[in-house]
Amino acid sequence: MAGGAGEDHLSALPDDVLRLILLRLPSTAEAARISALSRHWRHLWTTLTELRLPDVTDLASVRAVLRRHPAPVLHKLHARHELTVAGGRVPDKIAAVLGLAAPRLEGELCFEIITPANQNPAAGAAGVGGTFQIPCFNKATEIIINLPDHLGIRLPPTGVFAKLTVMMLTRLDKQNQRDLGGAVSSEGCPSLQHLILGKSYVSSHLAIRSESLLRVRLFCLRGLERLTVVAPVLKELGVNNCLVTSVASADISAPAVEELHWIDGFDPLLVQFSAMPRLWSLAVCGAPSRIHDVGNSQSLPLLQRFVSAREVHILLMYPFFLANFDLMVEAEKTLPAVEILCLKFCTRGHAFGPCLFHFLRMCTSIRQLDMDFDDGSKPQVWETMNICLNFLQKVEMKNLSGTEYEISFVKQLLRWVPMLKTITLRFDHSVSEEVCMELLSLSTPGICMEIYLHRNGDEVKYSGVSLKRHGDD
């Protein structure tokens, strides 16, 4: 063509450069299509060390890609498949894919199967569910497998994940031939640093003993009656909705922990913690009154166990039926070390004011206050409440509905906080600009007020005393 139009200049580049170009495409399928445009490129995609398959319609296609891909080493395999009731024997297909990948994988595996919510029961009834055994990835560094509830993982009966540093598994099958605790401890994963286990049925005793683990998160583990964690270098531990029976116990020996998230039961006679002198962040949960418990998920007493925590997250779960005189949380000691206080209210229509005021009185030295309102609450009068938060400089409130008593609370809060520098208010979809303007009129030159409203599917930011919406001319 005139002026060289249509000439293939890219093919003159070295293969290593061409591979870098293909790796920057969004998927391996796209890389294969681009490769087909040039005879020189045609088989180049099969030498890529990273395979990304984000929208797989049939797991057989993943198996076909792996068979056509002769590269001896894989640094990354990411696959995401939306399961349908016509998917056939899915466990067998998953096992075949993982079996092909395991010998070559020396990097990351991210394998996700999703099912539309309305098809979950149908998928199980259609026989596409079941369990499969994962192979031992003895050279992989990261394994993430996320499954819907009608599929289950069985661990390999033997083998060591020698180089694995990250493991996330959901839907573990309770009929595992191998002890789960041993598999994720130093004996099975000697290099493991990050562990996430969730939404699984496990044996009654889970014992994790690791010299390498830095972060552990356990959530929704059913059947667990005893948890043991011995991890001398562990920095973050999260346990959420695992110890659900009244006799469930735990023994945690992790002296290096800096962040503890215990959204679960805590009975000091059954749950034991080693000293944690480095702890600075603590997350707990409970009801606003011990008269009305919320099952066994009550870990508020940990506030008194770890009084040196500087950042505290509290999830307050109100029962459906609660008399007014029961609203106040039982008296606790003050927490002078707390600098950041994060409160999430699941009020179920009850008033949050007394609980909020109680925790603010406990933590008068806070510098940052975050509040999240999960649902609506009863009207309340703030004028009778008075407190001085001399150190508070930053406030953020989420999921506000714009009610009159919420607006009244914001006004009262501005009176309590003489040193406030920033306040951020995030409203739900129902709030009008009139509410926004009323609040912005309270802003002063010394306070940066930012308000976020939802408009036409976007979150719009308003700020300052100018009452001007960001993005306007």
Protein backbone atom coordinates (compact mmCIF):
# COMPACT_ATOMS: atom_id res chain seq x y z
CA MET A 1 0.00 0.00 0.00
CA ALA A 2 1.05 3.63 -0.52
CA GLY A 3 3.17 4.99 2.30
CA GLY A 4 3.58 1.51 3.72
CA ALA A 5 -0.04 1.29 4.94
CA GLY A 6 -0.92 -2.20 6.10
CA GLU A 7 2.66 -3.29 6.70
CA ASP A 8 3.26 -5.52 9.73
CA HIS A 9 5.88 -3.61 11.71
CA LEU A 10 5.06 -5.31 15.01
CA SER A 11 6.23 -8.71 13.81
CA ALA A 12 9.74 -7.32 13.54
CA LEU A 13 9.84 -6.92 17.31
CA PRO A 14 11.55 -9.59 19.44
CA ASP A 15 9.28 -12.38 20.69
CA ASP A 16 9.80 -11.31 24.31
CA VAL A 17 8.40 -7.86 23.48
CA LEU A 18 5.46 -9.38 21.60
CA ARG A 19 4.68 -11.58 24.61
CA LEU A 20 4.59 -8.50 26.84
CA ILE A 21 2.08 -6.93 24.43
CA LEU A 22 -0.12 -10.03 24.52
CA LEU A 23 0.05 -10.20 28.32
CA ARG A 24 -1.41 -6.71 28.53
CA LEU A 25 -4.59 -7.80 26.74
CA PRO A 26 -7.63 -8.45 29.00
CA SER A 27 -7.79 -12.22 28.38
CA THR A 28 -6.00 -15.17 26.84
CA ALA A 29 -8.82 -15.52 24.31
CA GLU A 30 -8.11 -11.99 23.12
CA ALA A 31 -4.39 -12.79 22.91
CA ALA A 32 -5.17 -15.85 20.75
CA ARG A 33 -7.39 -13.79 18.43
CA ILE A 34 -4.72 -11.10 18.02
CA SER A 35 -2.06 -13.75 17.39
CA ALA A 36 -4.13 -15.16 14.54
CA LEU A 37 -3.77 -11.89 12.60
CA SER A 38 -0.13 -12.61 11.81
CA ARG A 39 1.58 -15.82 10.74
CA HIS A 40 4.59 -14.86 12.85
CA TRP A 41 2.36 -14.38 15.93
CA ARG A 42 0.06 -17.35 15.35
CA HIS A 43 1.40 -19.67 18.03
CA LEU A 44 2.97 -17.04 20.26
CA TRP A 45 0.05 -17.02 22.71
CA THR A 46 0.75 -20.68 23.51
CA THR A 47 4.11 -19.65 25.00
CA LEU A 48 2.60 -17.16 27.46
CA THR A 49 3.23 -17.97 31.12
CA GLU A 50 -0.03 -16.32 32.21
CA LEU A 51 -3.51 -17.55 31.27
CA ARG A 52 -6.52 -15.35 32.02
CA LEU A 53 -9.96 -16.79 31.25
CA PRO A 54 -12.46 -14.42 32.89
CA ASP A 55 -15.72 -15.46 31.17
CA VAL A 56 -15.58 -19.19 30.62
CA THR A 57 -18.81 -20.66 29.25
CA ASP A 58 -17.67 -24.29 29.52
CA LEU A 59 -14.93 -25.69 31.72
CA ALA A 60 -14.02 -28.05 28.88
CA SER A 61 -12.63 -25.02 27.04
CA VAL A 62 -10.23 -24.34 29.93
CA ARG A 63 -9.01 -27.92 29.70
CA ALA A 64 -8.58 -27.51 25.93
CA VAL A 65 -6.53 -24.33 26.39
CA LEU A 66 -4.22 -26.07 28.86
CA ARG A 67 -3.71 -28.99 26.47
CA ARG A 68 -2.88 -26.67 23.55
CA HIS A 69 -0.57 -24.64 25.76
CA PRO A 70 2.85 -26.36 25.76
CA ALA A 71 4.69 -23.85 27.97
CA PRO A 72 6.37 -25.92 30.72
CA VAL A 73 5.78 -23.26 33.38
CA LEU A 74 2.68 -21.27 34.29
CA HIS A 75 3.08 -18.20 36.48
CA LYS A 76 -0.62 -17.38 36.57
CA LEU A 77 -3.91 -19.15 35.85
CA HIS A 78 -7.08 -17.15 36.42
CA ALA A 79 -10.42 -18.69 35.41
CA ARG A 80 -13.99 -17.63 36.16
CA HIS A 81 -16.98 -19.73 35.15
CA GLU A 82 -20.69 -19.01 35.55
CA LEU A 83 -22.36 -22.31 36.18
CA THR A 84 -25.74 -23.27 34.72
CA VAL A 85 -27.97 -26.28 35.30
CA ALA A 86 -26.84 -27.58 31.89
CA GLY A 87 -23.21 -27.64 33.00
CA GLY A 88 -22.97 -31.42 33.39
CA ARG A 89 -20.67 -33.09 35.92
CA VAL A 90 -18.92 -29.95 37.08
CA PRO A 91 -16.76 -31.56 39.83
CA ASP A 92 -15.15 -33.89 37.27
CA LYS A 93 -14.44 -30.97 34.94
CA ILE A 94 -12.89 -28.90 37.73
CA ALA A 95 -10.70 -31.82 38.81
CA ALA A 96 -9.53 -32.30 35.22
CA VAL A 97 -8.59 -28.62 34.84
CA LEU A 98 -6.72 -28.47 38.13
CA GLY A 99 -4.97 -31.77 37.39
CA LEU A 100 -3.57 -30.36 34.14
CA ALA A 101 -2.50 -27.10 35.77
CA ALA A 102 -0.88 -28.40 38.96
CA PRO A 103 2.39 -29.83 37.54
CA ARG A 104 3.20 -26.60 35.68
CA LEU A 105 1.91 -23.92 38.00
CA GLU A 106 4.68 -22.01 39.74
CA GLY A 107 2.68 -18.90 40.59
CA GLU A 108 -0.97 -17.94 41.11
CA LEU A 109 -4.15 -19.95 40.74
CA CYS A 110 -7.43 -18.04 40.97
CA PHE A 111 -10.36 -20.33 40.20
CA GLU A 112 -13.91 -19.09 40.70
CA ILE A 113 -17.22 -20.78 39.98
CA ILE A 114 -20.32 -18.64 40.38
CA THR A 115 -23.99 -19.47 40.13
CA PRO A 116 -26.77 -16.90 39.73
CA ALA A 117 -28.67 -16.74 43.02
CA ASN A 118 -31.90 -17.97 41.44
CA GLN A 119 -30.13 -21.05 40.01
CA ASN A 120 -28.34 -22.26 43.15
CA PRO A 121 -31.05 -24.72 44.28
CA ALA A 122 -31.68 -25.84 40.70
CA ALA A 123 -27.99 -26.52 40.13
CA GLY A 124 -27.84 -28.78 43.15
CA ALA A 125 -31.02 -30.61 42.16
CA ALA A 126 -29.79 -31.09 38.58
CA GLY A 127 -26.78 -33.06 39.76
CA VAL A 128 -24.13 -30.55 38.72
CA GLY A 129 -22.99 -30.32 42.34
CA GLY A 130 -20.71 -32.59 44.30
CA THR A 131 -17.17 -32.72 45.58
CA PHE A 132 -13.79 -32.92 43.89
CA GLN A 133 -10.25 -33.42 45.11
CA ILE A 134 -7.67 -30.76 44.44
CA PRO A 135 -4.16 -31.93 43.56
CA CYS A 136 -1.10 -30.97 45.55
CA PHE A 137 0.27 -27.78 44.01
CA ASN A 138 3.80 -28.25 45.29
CA LYS A 139 5.23 -25.36 43.24
CA ALA A 140 2.35 -22.85 43.34
CA THR A 141 2.72 -19.70 45.43
CA GLU A 142 -0.95 -18.64 45.62
CA ILE A 143 -4.19 -20.64 45.48
CA ILE A 144 -7.64 -19.04 45.55
CA ILE A 145 -10.65 -21.28 44.94
CA ASN A 146 -14.12 -19.80 45.44
CA LEU A 147 -17.18 -22.00 44.91
CA PRO A 148 -20.99 -21.88 45.24
CA ASP A 149 -22.67 -23.84 48.00
CA HIS A 150 -23.47 -27.03 46.06
CA LEU A 151 -19.82 -27.77 45.28
CA GLY A 152 -17.18 -28.98 47.73
CA ILE A 153 -13.40 -29.29 47.96
CA ARG A 154 -11.54 -32.33 49.24
CA LEU A 155 -7.88 -31.87 50.10
CA PRO A 156 -5.23 -34.22 48.68
CA PRO A 157 -4.64 -37.08 51.15
CA THR A 158 -0.88 -36.49 51.13
CA GLY A 159 1.66 -33.99 49.87
CA VAL A 160 3.18 -30.67 50.84
CA PHE A 161 2.35 -27.28 49.34
CA ALA A 162 6.00 -26.39 49.66
CA LYS A 163 6.06 -22.89 48.15
CA LEU A 164 2.52 -21.76 48.88
CA THR A 165 2.33 -18.33 50.55
CA VAL A 166 -1.38 -17.52 49.99
CA MET A 167 -4.34 -19.90 50.35
CA MET A 168 -8.03 -19.07 50.14
CA LEU A 169 -10.51 -21.94 50.05
CA THR A 170 -14.29 -21.96 50.42
CA ARG A 171 -16.76 -24.87 50.50
CA LEU A 172 -14.41 -27.42 52.01
CA ASP A 173 -16.09 -30.80 52.31
CA LYS A 174 -16.45 -32.19 55.82
CA GLN A 175 -15.59 -35.70 54.60
CA ASN A 176 -11.97 -34.73 53.91
CA GLN A 177 -9.62 -37.68 54.35
CA ARG A 178 -6.92 -35.28 55.53
CA ASP A 179 -6.90 -33.19 58.67
CA LEU A 180 -7.55 -29.59 57.64
CA GLY A 181 -5.48 -28.11 60.44
CA GLY A 182 -2.46 -30.23 59.57
CA ALA A 183 -2.80 -29.41 55.87
CA VAL A 184 -2.63 -25.63 56.46
CA SER A 185 -0.08 -25.78 59.29
CA SER A 186 3.69 -25.83 58.86
CA GLU A 187 3.70 -29.57 58.15
CA GLY A 188 1.52 -29.11 55.04
CA CYS A 189 2.28 -25.51 54.05
CA PRO A 190 5.71 -24.58 55.44
CA SER A 191 5.82 -21.19 53.65
CA LEU A 192 2.19 -20.12 54.11
CA GLN A 193 1.72 -16.47 55.11
CA HIS A 194 -1.92 -15.66 54.29
CA LEU A 195 -4.77 -18.10 55.02
CA ILE A 196 -8.51 -17.63 54.39
CA LEU A 197 -10.98 -20.45 55.04
CA GLY A 198 -14.73 -19.90 54.83
CA LYS A 199 -18.23 -21.21 54.21
CA SER A 200 -17.26 -24.78 54.96
CA TYR A 201 -18.12 -27.77 57.12
CA VAL A 202 -15.12 -28.78 59.19
CA SER A 203 -14.25 -31.32 61.86
CA SER A 204 -14.97 -30.43 65.47
CA HIS A 205 -11.35 -29.45 66.22
CA LEU A 206 -9.36 -27.17 63.93
CA ALA A 207 -5.75 -26.81 65.06
CA ILE A 208 -3.49 -24.44 63.12
CA ARG A 209 0.16 -24.48 64.13
CA SER A 210 2.37 -22.41 61.88
CA GLU A 211 5.77 -20.77 62.11
CA SER A 212 5.16 -18.66 58.99
CA LEU A 213 1.56 -17.42 59.03
CA LEU A 214 1.12 -13.63 59.10
CA ARG A 215 -2.63 -13.30 58.41
CA VAL A 216 -5.50 -15.69 59.12
CA ARG A 217 -9.20 -15.17 58.41
CA LEU A 218 -11.79 -17.80 59.30
CA PHE A 219 -15.49 -17.25 58.58
CA CYS A 220 -18.64 -19.35 58.61
CA LEU A 221 -16.98 -22.64 59.54
CA ARG A 222 -19.76 -25.03 60.54
CA GLY A 223 -19.26 -27.94 62.93
CA LEU A 224 -16.38 -26.28 64.75
CA GLU A 225 -16.35 -26.84 68.51
CA ARG A 226 -12.71 -26.17 69.30
CA LEU A 227 -10.25 -23.80 67.62
CA THR A 228 -6.53 -23.82 68.33
CA VAL A 229 -4.13 -21.32 66.79
CA VAL A 230 -0.42 -21.37 67.60
CA ALA A 231 1.33 -18.85 65.37
CA PRO A 232 4.26 -16.91 66.87
CA VAL A 233 4.63 -14.38 64.01
CA LEU A 234 0.92 -13.91 63.20
CA LYS A 235 -0.01 -10.24 62.78
CA GLU A 236 -3.71 -10.37 61.81
CA LEU A 237 -6.38 -12.78 63.04
CA GLY A 238 -10.04 -12.66 62.03
CA VAL A 239 -12.70 -15.10 63.27
CA ASN A 240 -16.28 -14.49 62.14
CA ASN A 241 -19.32 -16.65 62.87
CA CYS A 242 -17.41 -19.87 63.56
CA LEU A 243 -17.93 -20.58 67.27
CA VAL A 244 -21.71 -20.74 67.16
CA THR A 245 -22.46 -23.30 69.89
CA SER A 246 -22.59 -22.48 73.59
CA VAL A 247 -19.75 -24.91 74.35
CA ALA A 248 -17.40 -23.89 71.53
CA SER A 249 -13.91 -23.07 72.79
CA ALA A 250 -10.74 -21.48 71.47
CA ASP A 251 -7.11 -21.31 72.52
CA ILE A 252 -5.17 -18.58 70.71
CA SER A 253 -1.40 -18.28 71.16
CA ALA A 254 -0.29 -15.45 68.88
CA PRO A 255 1.79 -12.91 70.80
CA ALA A 256 2.70 -10.83 67.72
CA VAL A 257 -0.90 -10.07 66.68
CA GLU A 258 -1.51 -6.42 65.81
CA GLU A 259 -5.08 -6.70 64.46
CA LEU A 260 -7.73 -8.92 66.05
CA HIS A 261 -11.21 -9.19 64.50
CA TRP A 262 -13.35 -11.40 66.74
CA ILE A 263 -16.91 -11.20 65.40
CA ASP A 264 -17.89 -14.32 67.26
CA GLY A 265 -18.66 -15.70 70.68
CA PHE A 266 -16.45 -14.90 73.63
CA ASP A 267 -16.78 -16.64 76.97
CA PRO A 268 -13.64 -16.00 79.04
CA LEU A 269 -13.98 -19.48 80.53
CA LEU A 270 -13.91 -21.10 77.08
CA VAL A 271 -11.93 -18.69 74.89
CA GLN A 272 -8.34 -18.00 75.89
CA PHE A 273 -5.91 -15.52 74.35
CA SER A 274 -2.20 -15.20 74.97
CA ALA A 275 -0.85 -11.76 75.79
CA MET A 276 -0.86 -9.54 72.70
CA PRO A 277 1.30 -6.54 73.60
CA ARG A 278 1.43 -5.26 70.01
CA LEU A 279 -2.34 -5.21 69.49
CA TRP A 280 -3.52 -1.85 68.11
CA SER A 281 -6.73 -2.74 66.20
CA LEU A 282 -9.66 -4.66 67.71
CA ALA A 283 -13.03 -5.53 66.14
CA VAL A 284 -15.85 -6.92 68.30
CA CYS A 285 -19.60 -7.40 68.17
CA GLY A 286 -22.57 -7.64 70.49
CA ALA A 287 -26.02 -6.48 71.49
CA PRO A 288 -26.73 -3.11 73.14
CA SER A 289 -27.76 -4.93 76.31
CA ARG A 290 -26.71 -8.27 77.75
CA ILE A 291 -30.32 -8.75 78.80
CA HIS A 292 -31.02 -9.30 75.10
CA ASP A 293 -28.18 -11.35 73.68
CA VAL A 294 -27.73 -12.08 69.99
CA GLY A 295 -27.06 -15.80 70.17
CA ASN A 296 -23.46 -16.53 71.11
CA SER A 297 -22.01 -13.71 69.01
CA GLN A 298 -21.11 -11.42 71.87
CA SER A 299 -17.48 -10.31 72.06
CA LEU A 300 -17.88 -6.82 73.55
CA PRO A 301 -16.12 -7.95 76.78
CA LEU A 302 -12.90 -8.12 74.76
CA LEU A 303 -12.85 -4.32 75.01
CA GLN A 304 -11.84 -4.82 78.63
CA ARG A 305 -9.42 -7.63 77.80
CA PHE A 306 -7.41 -5.51 75.34
CA VAL A 307 -7.65 -1.99 76.73
CA SER A 308 -4.55 -0.77 74.90
CA ALA A 309 -6.09 -1.04 71.41
CA ARG A 310 -5.89 2.29 69.59
CA GLU A 311 -8.37 1.42 66.83
CA VAL A 312 -11.69 -0.18 67.80
CA HIS A 313 -14.43 -1.48 65.49
CA ILE A 314 -17.77 -2.35 67.10
CA LEU A 315 -20.68 -4.09 65.37
CA LEU A 316 -23.87 -3.53 67.38
CA MET A 317 -26.64 -5.97 66.52
CA TYR A 318 -30.00 -5.05 68.02
CA PRO A 319 -32.57 -7.78 68.71
CA PHE A 320 -35.99 -7.48 67.09
CA PHE A 321 -37.74 -6.86 70.42
CA LEU A 322 -36.12 -4.42 72.80
CA ALA A 323 -37.74 -2.27 75.47
CA ASN A 324 -36.58 1.32 75.82
CA PHE A 325 -35.06 0.77 79.27
CA ASP A 326 -32.86 -1.99 77.83
CA LEU A 327 -31.23 0.18 75.19
CA MET A 328 -28.20 1.27 77.18
CA VAL A 329 -25.17 -0.97 77.01
CA GLU A 330 -24.08 -2.12 80.42
CA ALA A 331 -21.50 0.15 81.97
CA GLU A 332 -17.93 -0.45 80.89
CA LYS A 333 -14.70 1.20 81.90
CA THR A 334 -13.37 4.06 79.83
CA LEU A 335 -10.99 3.24 76.99
CA PRO A 336 -8.48 6.09 77.03
CA ALA A 337 -6.15 4.53 74.43
CA VAL A 338 -8.72 4.50 71.61
CA GLU A 339 -7.90 7.01 68.87
CA ILE A 340 -10.09 5.61 66.06
CA LEU A 341 -13.63 4.41 66.85
CA CYS A 342 -15.70 2.69 64.15
CA LEU A 343 -19.33 1.83 64.95
CA LYS A 344 -21.72 -0.13 62.76
CA PHE A 345 -25.36 -0.20 63.86
CA CYS A 346 -27.77 -2.97 62.83
CA THR A 347 -30.66 -1.35 64.71
CA ARG A 348 -33.69 -3.15 63.24
CA GLY A 349 -35.63 0.07 63.75
CA HIS A 350 -34.51 0.83 67.32
CA ALA A 351 -32.93 4.08 68.49
CA PHE A 352 -29.14 4.12 68.25
CA GLY A 353 -28.60 7.29 70.29
CA PRO A 354 -28.10 5.86 73.81
CA CYS A 355 -25.56 3.28 72.62
CA LEU A 356 -23.68 5.81 70.53
CA PHE A 357 -23.55 8.28 73.39
CA HIS A 358 -22.38 5.55 75.76
CA PHE A 359 -19.43 4.56 73.56
CA LEU A 360 -18.48 8.18 72.96
CA ARG A 361 -18.31 8.67 76.73
CA MET A 362 -16.05 5.63 76.96
CA CYS A 363 -13.72 6.94 74.26
CA THR A 364 -13.42 10.70 74.77
CA SER A 365 -9.86 10.76 73.40
CA ILE A 366 -10.76 9.61 69.89
CA ARG A 367 -9.35 11.50 66.92
CA GLN A 368 -11.45 9.75 64.26
CA LEU A 369 -15.07 8.54 64.37
CA ASP A 370 -16.66 6.35 61.67
CA MET A 371 -20.33 5.33 61.79
CA ASP A 372 -22.28 3.02 59.50
CA PHE A 373 -26.07 2.72 59.78
CA ASP A 374 -27.24 -0.58 58.34
CA ASP A 375 -30.95 0.21 58.57
CA GLY A 376 -33.39 2.80 59.86
CA SER A 377 -33.91 3.67 63.51
CA LYS A 378 -36.41 5.32 65.81
CA PRO A 379 -36.52 9.10 66.27
CA GLN A 380 -34.62 10.34 69.30
CA VAL A 381 -33.90 13.57 71.14
CA TRP A 382 -30.26 14.67 71.22
CA GLU A 383 -30.60 17.95 73.10
CA THR A 384 -30.43 16.24 76.51
CA MET A 385 -27.11 14.60 75.66
CA ASN A 386 -23.90 16.53 76.14
CA ILE A 387 -20.27 15.52 75.76
CA CYS A 388 -17.01 17.19 74.79
CA LEU A 389 -14.77 15.40 72.31
CA ASN A 390 -11.78 17.70 72.40
CA PHE A 391 -9.48 15.53 70.28
CA LEU A 392 -11.88 14.46 67.53
CA GLN A 393 -10.76 15.79 64.14
CA LYS A 394 -12.33 13.49 61.54
CA VAL A 395 -15.88 12.08 61.27
CA GLU A 396 -17.43 9.86 58.59
CA MET A 397 -21.05 8.65 58.56
CA LYS A 398 -22.35 6.11 56.01
CA ASN A 399 -25.79 4.95 54.86
CA LEU A 400 -27.65 7.94 56.26
CA SER A 401 -31.31 8.20 55.23
CA GLY A 402 -31.69 11.95 55.75
CA THR A 403 -34.28 11.78 58.54
CA GLU A 404 -34.86 14.76 60.80
CA TYR A 405 -33.28 13.09 63.84
CA GLU A 406 -30.15 12.21 61.82
CA ILE A 407 -29.84 15.84 60.79
CA SER A 408 -30.36 16.82 64.42
CA PHE A 409 -27.57 14.47 65.45
CA VAL A 410 -25.14 16.00 62.95
CA LYS A 411 -25.95 19.45 64.31
CA GLN A 412 -25.41 18.26 67.88
CA LEU A 413 -22.16 16.52 66.93
CA LEU A 414 -20.78 19.77 65.53
CA ARG A 415 -21.36 21.33 68.97
CA TRP A 416 -19.54 18.49 70.74
CA VAL A 417 -16.40 18.66 68.61
CA PRO A 418 -14.48 21.94 68.91
CA MET A 419 -11.41 20.73 66.98
CA LEU A 420 -13.20 19.03 64.07
CA LYS A 421 -11.44 19.39 60.72
CA THR A 422 -13.28 17.01 58.37
CA ILE A 423 -16.77 15.53 58.32
CA THR A 424 -17.94 13.22 55.52
CA LEU A 425 -21.60 12.24 55.15
CA ARG A 426 -22.71 9.49 52.75
CA PHE A 427 -26.46 9.21 52.11
CA ASP A 428 -28.55 6.47 50.55
CA HIS A 429 -30.42 6.81 47.26
CA SER A 430 -33.54 8.41 48.75
CA VAL A 431 -31.99 11.68 50.00
CA SER A 432 -32.64 14.95 48.18
CA GLU A 433 -30.35 17.90 47.49
CA GLU A 434 -32.39 20.01 49.94
CA VAL A 435 -31.07 17.92 52.84
CA CYS A 436 -27.57 18.32 51.48
CA MET A 437 -27.89 22.10 51.29
CA GLU A 438 -29.25 22.31 54.84
CA LEU A 439 -26.24 20.46 56.19
CA LEU A 440 -23.73 22.36 54.09
CA SER A 441 -25.10 25.59 55.53
CA LEU A 442 -23.76 24.43 58.92
CA SER A 443 -20.21 24.24 57.62
CA THR A 444 -17.71 26.82 58.81
CA PRO A 445 -14.38 27.90 57.29
CA GLY A 446 -12.52 25.72 59.78
CA ILE A 447 -14.41 22.53 58.86
CA CYS A 448 -14.22 20.65 55.56
CA MET A 449 -17.67 19.12 55.04
CA GLU A 450 -18.12 16.60 52.23
CA ILE A 451 -21.51 15.13 51.34
CA TYR A 452 -22.14 12.30 48.89
CA LEU A 453 -25.52 11.78 47.23
CA HIS A 454 -26.60 9.25 44.61
CA ARG A 455 -27.76 10.78 41.33
CA ASN A 456 -28.56 8.76 38.20
CA GLY A 457 -26.50 5.83 39.39
CA ASP A 458 -23.45 7.91 40.29
CA GLU A 459 -22.18 9.18 43.62
CA VAL A 460 -22.03 12.98 43.51
CA LYS A 461 -19.87 14.96 45.89
CA TYR A 462 -20.85 18.30 47.47
CA SER A 463 -18.50 20.20 49.73
CA GLY A 464 -17.62 23.49 51.39
CA VAL A 465 -19.72 26.52 52.22
CA SER A 466 -20.14 27.48 48.57
CA LEU A 467 -22.98 24.94 48.16
CA LYS A 468 -21.50 24.10 44.77
CA ARG A 469 -21.63 20.61 43.39
CA HIS A 470 -18.34 19.19 42.18
CA GLY A 471 -18.28 19.00 38.42
CA ASP A 472 -20.44 22.10 37.94
CA ASP A 473 -19.00 25.02 35.94
